[in-house]
Amino acid sequence: MIRPRPIQRTGPSSWGTFMADGFQDFQGFDIARRGYDRAQVDAYLAGMAAGTASGAPPVFDIVRRGYDRAQVDARVAQLRNGGTGR
């Protein structure tokens, strides 16, 4: 019998800044078979928290066992739009 693996959510410790700024409901990203490079996403989000992220939309490498691309794209768009989700 094949049992589904539980969803693994993960994220950097720097996400505490986003949670403190009104994003308490954020639980991290799912790990996908092919997704965005976790270190690159973590570094970009840390840069956003510190106010040092570039104004250009981020470009992340696609790797095995990376963050779910749709979730990252949606979260980055939400944060870049001031948390409005648009």
Protein backbone atom coordinates (compact mmCIF):
# COMPACT_ATOMS: atom_id res chain seq x y z
CA MET A 1 0.00 0.00 0.00
CA ILE A 2 1.36 3.39 -0.98
CA ARG A 3 0.92 6.08 1.61
CA PRO A 4 1.10 9.74 0.68
CA ARG A 5 3.92 11.67 2.25
CA PRO A 6 2.90 14.56 4.47
CA ILE A 7 3.27 18.02 3.00
CA GLN A 8 6.62 19.47 3.93
CA ARG A 9 6.60 23.22 4.41
CA THR A 10 9.78 25.09 4.96
CA GLY A 11 11.24 28.57 4.94
CA PRO A 12 14.01 30.74 6.28
CA SER A 13 14.11 32.13 9.78
CA SER A 14 14.07 35.63 8.27
CA TRP A 15 10.38 35.16 7.43
CA GLY A 16 9.67 36.23 10.99
CA THR A 17 9.96 39.80 9.72
CA PHE A 18 7.13 39.24 7.25
CA MET A 19 5.02 37.68 9.95
CA ALA A 20 5.60 40.66 12.22
CA ASP A 21 4.47 42.98 9.41
CA GLY A 22 0.95 41.54 9.20
CA PHE A 23 1.60 38.22 7.44
CA GLN A 24 0.92 35.97 10.42
CA ASP A 25 -0.97 33.42 8.32
CA PHE A 26 2.02 32.56 6.10
CA GLN A 27 3.12 28.95 6.64
CA GLY A 28 5.99 28.55 4.15
CA PHE A 29 6.13 26.82 0.79
CA ASP A 30 5.54 23.25 -0.25
CA ILE A 31 8.53 21.32 -1.59
CA ALA A 32 7.99 20.26 -5.21
CA ARG A 33 9.74 17.66 -7.32
CA ARG A 34 10.93 20.50 -9.60
CA GLY A 35 10.74 23.94 -8.08
CA TYR A 36 12.58 27.16 -7.40
CA ASP A 37 16.01 26.96 -5.79
CA ARG A 38 15.32 27.26 -2.07
CA ALA A 39 18.50 29.18 -1.24
CA GLN A 40 17.77 31.76 -3.95
CA VAL A 41 14.18 32.24 -2.79
CA ASP A 42 15.28 32.49 0.85
CA ALA A 43 17.93 35.08 -0.06
CA TYR A 44 15.45 37.12 -2.09
CA LEU A 45 12.86 37.11 0.71
CA ALA A 46 15.55 38.04 3.24
CA GLY A 47 16.50 40.94 0.95
CA MET A 48 12.86 42.03 0.82
CA ALA A 49 12.70 41.92 4.62
CA ALA A 50 15.85 44.05 4.85
CA GLY A 51 14.68 46.40 2.11
CA THR A 52 17.62 45.53 -0.14
CA ALA A 53 15.84 43.43 -2.81
CA SER A 54 16.09 44.80 -6.35
CA GLY A 55 13.09 46.43 -7.96
CA ALA A 56 13.16 43.96 -10.84
CA PRO A 57 11.07 40.79 -10.60
CA PRO A 58 13.19 37.89 -9.32
CA VAL A 59 14.41 35.05 -11.52
CA PHE A 60 15.07 31.77 -9.73
CA ASP A 61 16.72 28.60 -11.02
CA ILE A 62 14.51 25.51 -11.26
CA VAL A 63 15.97 22.58 -9.33
CA ARG A 64 14.95 19.21 -7.92
CA ARG A 65 13.17 19.46 -4.56
CA GLY A 66 12.72 23.20 -4.74
CA TYR A 67 9.92 25.44 -3.53
CA ASP A 68 6.58 25.16 -5.32
CA ARG A 69 6.78 27.69 -8.17
CA ALA A 70 3.16 28.83 -8.12
CA GLN A 71 3.26 29.43 -4.36
CA VAL A 72 6.51 31.41 -4.58
CA ASP A 73 5.25 33.49 -7.51
CA ALA A 74 2.02 34.29 -5.69
CA ARG A 75 3.81 35.17 -2.45
CA VAL A 76 6.40 37.39 -4.14
CA ALA A 77 3.65 39.18 -6.09
CA GLN A 78 1.71 39.70 -2.87
CA LEU A 79 4.71 41.12 -1.04
CA ARG A 80 5.78 43.32 -3.96
CA ASN A 81 2.25 44.78 -4.11
CA GLY A 82 2.26 45.73 -0.46
CA GLY A 83 0.44 42.65 0.78
CA THR A 84 -2.71 43.27 -1.25
CA GLY A 85 -2.44 39.95 -3.12
CA ARG A 86 -3.07 41.63 -6.49
